[in-house]
Amino acid sequence: MAEVLGVDEPMLWPKAMQTVVKTGPDREVVSVYPYRSACPTSVWAELIHAAEQDIVFAGYTNYFLWTSQPGFPSTLRTKAGRGCRVRFLLGDPTGDVTRQREEIEDVTLSVSTRIRVSLEALEKLGSPEGIEARFSSTLDAPHHVGLSLFRFDDQMLVTPHLARLVGHDSPMMHLRRHQDDGMFDRFAQSTEELWERGRPV
């Protein structure tokens, strides 16, 4: 409407409405959670089931997906069978960055163990067409370990990892694409760069 009338969006909305209706770049922010664990598992399930073209699990370990989503392996096979591209980007369990992160987190369920949980689950899947897995490159690992990105077509869950906190204790944003070069596109581009430089599992 703003384009048709030749005016800026804020001109169409009185101040009272601007506090309720998002009109700027932040309209891509669907929701925020102070902890990733505060996001209902139903949100993850809805995003996974609704995606039809592209799913990217670019957390450093991704292990929680296998335990929090009932029937996750069969869901992945079904998605891939219907033409949805499913990708897993993982950290290298033997890499220096992984060992450093383990020292920082200092928890019983170590980073390398969590990665191996995902690798074992992926191995049990076999090699169905449409499901791919890569390790992030050695140069990208320091960036990957600090930011988990999960894409479902035009929606995304983003978790920046705080200091010594593990993923489920770090905050998370739910984004939906609404504009070119917005927050969604910026994070999506970062995900693709990490993927392109990664190496096959």
Protein backbone atom coordinates (compact mmCIF):
# COMPACT_ATOMS: atom_id res chain seq x y z
CA MET A 1 0.00 0.00 0.00
CA ALA A 2 2.86 2.35 0.84
CA GLU A 3 4.40 1.74 -2.59
CA VAL A 4 1.10 2.38 -4.39
CA LEU A 5 0.54 5.66 -2.51
CA GLY A 6 4.17 6.68 -2.79
CA VAL A 7 4.63 7.26 0.95
CA ASP A 8 6.70 5.73 3.75
CA GLU A 9 5.06 3.04 5.87
CA PRO A 10 5.19 5.07 9.11
CA MET A 11 2.98 7.72 7.48
CA LEU A 12 0.20 5.16 7.11
CA TRP A 13 0.18 4.21 10.78
CA PRO A 14 -0.55 6.53 13.70
CA LYS A 15 1.78 6.27 16.68
CA ALA A 16 -0.73 4.26 18.69
CA MET A 17 -0.84 1.58 16.00
CA GLN A 18 2.93 1.48 15.58
CA THR A 19 3.27 0.07 19.09
CA VAL A 20 0.99 -2.83 18.12
CA VAL A 21 1.68 -3.37 14.41
CA LYS A 22 5.28 -3.84 13.30
CA THR A 23 6.05 -1.83 10.17
CA GLY A 24 9.86 -1.71 10.11
CA PRO A 25 12.62 -4.29 9.74
CA ASP A 26 11.68 -5.82 13.10
CA ARG A 27 8.46 -7.17 11.57
CA GLU A 28 10.57 -10.21 10.67
CA VAL A 29 10.82 -11.04 14.38
CA VAL A 30 7.97 -13.42 15.17
CA SER A 31 8.93 -14.13 18.74
CA VAL A 32 11.86 -14.12 21.16
CA TYR A 33 12.70 -16.54 23.95
CA PRO A 34 15.14 -15.78 26.79
CA TYR A 35 16.06 -19.48 26.71
CA ARG A 36 15.94 -21.84 23.74
CA SER A 37 14.39 -24.41 26.06
CA ALA A 38 11.49 -21.98 26.64
CA CYS A 39 10.39 -22.40 23.02
CA PRO A 40 7.64 -25.07 22.95
CA THR A 41 8.60 -28.26 21.14
CA SER A 42 5.34 -27.80 19.23
CA VAL A 43 6.85 -24.71 17.52
CA TRP A 44 9.75 -26.81 16.27
CA ALA A 45 7.36 -29.53 15.12
CA GLU A 46 5.15 -27.05 13.26
CA LEU A 47 8.11 -25.48 11.49
CA ILE A 48 9.56 -28.85 10.49
CA HIS A 49 6.25 -30.21 9.23
CA ALA A 50 5.32 -27.01 7.35
CA ALA A 51 8.62 -26.75 5.45
CA GLU A 52 8.42 -28.05 1.88
CA GLN A 53 11.62 -26.96 0.14
CA ASP A 54 14.55 -26.35 2.48
CA ILE A 55 15.35 -27.39 6.04
CA VAL A 56 18.76 -26.59 7.52
CA PHE A 57 19.82 -27.70 11.00
CA ALA A 58 22.98 -25.65 11.54
CA GLY A 59 23.42 -25.99 15.26
CA TYR A 60 26.90 -27.04 16.31
CA THR A 61 25.64 -30.34 17.76
CA ASN A 62 21.92 -30.63 16.82
CA TYR A 63 21.60 -33.57 19.21
CA PHE A 64 18.50 -32.28 21.02
CA LEU A 65 16.41 -32.66 17.87
CA TRP A 66 16.61 -36.44 18.07
CA THR A 67 15.32 -36.50 21.64
CA SER A 68 12.76 -33.68 21.57
CA GLN A 69 10.93 -34.50 18.32
CA PRO A 70 8.97 -37.78 18.34
CA GLY A 71 9.50 -39.83 15.20
CA PHE A 72 12.19 -37.45 13.99
CA PRO A 73 13.96 -39.97 11.70
CA SER A 74 10.74 -40.92 9.91
CA THR A 75 9.80 -37.26 9.60
CA LEU A 76 13.13 -36.55 7.91
CA ARG A 77 12.70 -39.46 5.50
CA THR A 78 9.19 -38.30 4.63
CA LYS A 79 10.35 -34.73 4.04
CA ALA A 80 13.20 -35.84 1.82
CA GLY A 81 10.92 -38.24 -0.04
CA ARG A 82 8.62 -35.35 -0.91
CA GLY A 83 11.44 -33.31 -2.39
CA CYS A 84 12.43 -31.20 0.61
CA ARG A 85 16.18 -30.69 0.90
CA VAL A 86 17.31 -31.50 4.47
CA ARG A 87 20.77 -30.45 5.61
CA PHE A 88 22.71 -30.90 8.84
CA LEU A 89 25.75 -28.72 9.54
CA LEU A 90 27.74 -29.97 12.53
CA GLY A 91 30.91 -29.10 14.33
CA ASP A 92 33.87 -31.47 14.03
CA PRO A 93 33.87 -33.60 17.22
CA THR A 94 37.67 -33.88 17.05
CA GLY A 95 38.38 -30.23 16.25
CA ASP A 96 40.26 -27.75 18.43
CA VAL A 97 37.25 -25.45 18.67
CA THR A 98 35.15 -28.34 19.99
CA ARG A 99 37.73 -29.13 22.67
CA GLN A 100 37.96 -25.46 23.65
CA ARG A 101 34.19 -25.19 23.91
CA GLU A 102 34.09 -28.28 26.11
CA GLU A 103 36.49 -26.62 28.53
CA ILE A 104 34.36 -23.46 28.55
CA GLU A 105 31.03 -25.24 29.13
CA ASP A 106 32.47 -27.81 31.56
CA VAL A 107 29.39 -30.05 31.54
CA THR A 108 29.07 -33.84 31.72
CA LEU A 109 27.37 -34.17 28.33
CA SER A 110 30.28 -32.76 26.35
CA VAL A 111 30.12 -31.00 22.99
CA SER A 112 31.88 -33.87 21.19
CA THR A 113 29.48 -36.39 22.76
CA ARG A 114 26.47 -34.35 21.65
CA ILE A 115 27.84 -34.17 18.11
CA ARG A 116 28.41 -37.94 18.08
CA VAL A 117 24.80 -38.49 19.14
CA SER A 118 23.76 -36.68 15.97
CA LEU A 119 26.30 -38.52 13.82
CA GLU A 120 25.11 -41.90 15.13
CA ALA A 121 21.48 -40.97 14.47
CA LEU A 122 22.34 -39.78 10.96
CA GLU A 123 24.22 -43.02 10.30
CA LYS A 124 21.13 -45.01 11.29
CA LEU A 125 19.16 -43.08 8.69
CA GLY A 126 21.34 -44.58 6.00
CA SER A 127 21.86 -42.34 2.98
CA PRO A 128 18.39 -41.33 1.79
CA GLU A 129 18.38 -38.97 -1.16
CA GLY A 130 17.74 -35.41 -0.08
CA ILE A 131 19.40 -35.63 3.35
CA GLU A 132 22.93 -34.25 3.57
CA ALA A 133 25.41 -33.66 6.39
CA ARG A 134 28.61 -31.63 6.62
CA PHE A 135 31.12 -30.49 9.19
CA SER A 136 31.79 -26.76 9.26
CA SER A 137 35.27 -25.86 8.04
CA THR A 138 38.15 -25.39 10.47
CA LEU A 139 38.19 -21.65 9.76
CA ASP A 140 34.42 -21.30 10.25
CA ALA A 141 34.23 -23.41 13.42
CA PRO A 142 34.80 -20.47 15.83
CA HIS A 143 31.81 -18.67 14.29
CA HIS A 144 29.64 -21.76 14.00
CA VAL A 145 30.08 -22.78 17.65
CA GLY A 146 28.74 -19.41 18.80
CA LEU A 147 25.62 -19.24 16.65
CA SER A 148 23.03 -21.93 15.94
CA LEU A 149 20.79 -21.43 12.89
CA PHE A 150 17.77 -23.56 12.01
CA ARG A 151 15.97 -22.77 8.75
CA PHE A 152 12.55 -23.96 7.60
CA ASP A 153 11.80 -22.43 4.18
CA ASP A 154 11.05 -18.76 4.98
CA GLN A 155 11.23 -19.12 8.76
CA MET A 156 14.23 -19.50 11.03
CA LEU A 157 15.21 -20.05 14.65
CA VAL A 158 18.45 -18.32 15.70
CA THR A 159 20.37 -18.94 18.92
CA PRO A 160 23.44 -16.86 19.85
CA HIS A 161 25.36 -18.80 22.48
CA LEU A 162 26.17 -16.78 25.58
CA ALA A 163 29.51 -17.11 27.34
CA ARG A 164 29.67 -20.49 29.10
CA LEU A 165 26.05 -21.39 28.51
CA VAL A 166 24.97 -24.43 26.51
CA GLY A 167 22.47 -23.97 23.68
CA HIS A 168 19.27 -24.64 25.61
CA ASP A 169 20.21 -21.95 28.17
CA SER A 170 20.92 -19.30 25.52
CA PRO A 171 18.29 -16.95 24.02
CA MET A 172 16.54 -17.61 20.71
CA MET A 173 14.74 -15.58 18.05
CA HIS A 174 12.03 -16.82 15.70
CA LEU A 175 12.25 -15.01 12.34
CA ARG A 176 9.98 -14.98 9.28
CA ARG A 177 11.17 -13.53 5.98
CA HIS A 178 9.35 -10.33 4.95
CA GLN A 179 11.91 -8.32 2.99
CA ASP A 180 15.07 -8.44 0.92
CA ASP A 181 18.32 -8.12 2.87
CA GLY A 182 16.45 -8.18 6.19
CA MET A 183 17.42 -10.13 9.27
CA PHE A 184 16.22 -13.42 7.80
CA ASP A 185 18.25 -12.97 4.61
CA ARG A 186 21.36 -11.94 6.54
CA PHE A 187 21.27 -15.07 8.69
CA ALA A 188 20.29 -17.27 5.73
CA GLN A 189 23.28 -15.99 3.76
CA SER A 190 25.57 -16.78 6.68
CA THR A 191 24.16 -20.30 6.85
CA GLU A 192 24.77 -20.86 3.14
CA GLU A 193 28.35 -19.62 3.43
CA LEU A 194 29.05 -22.01 6.28
CA TRP A 195 27.48 -24.84 4.30
CA GLU A 196 29.41 -24.12 1.10
CA ARG A 197 32.74 -24.10 2.92
CA GLY A 198 31.90 -27.20 4.95
CA ARG A 199 33.15 -30.72 4.25
CA PRO A 200 31.05 -33.90 3.93
CA VAL A 201 30.52 -36.02 7.03
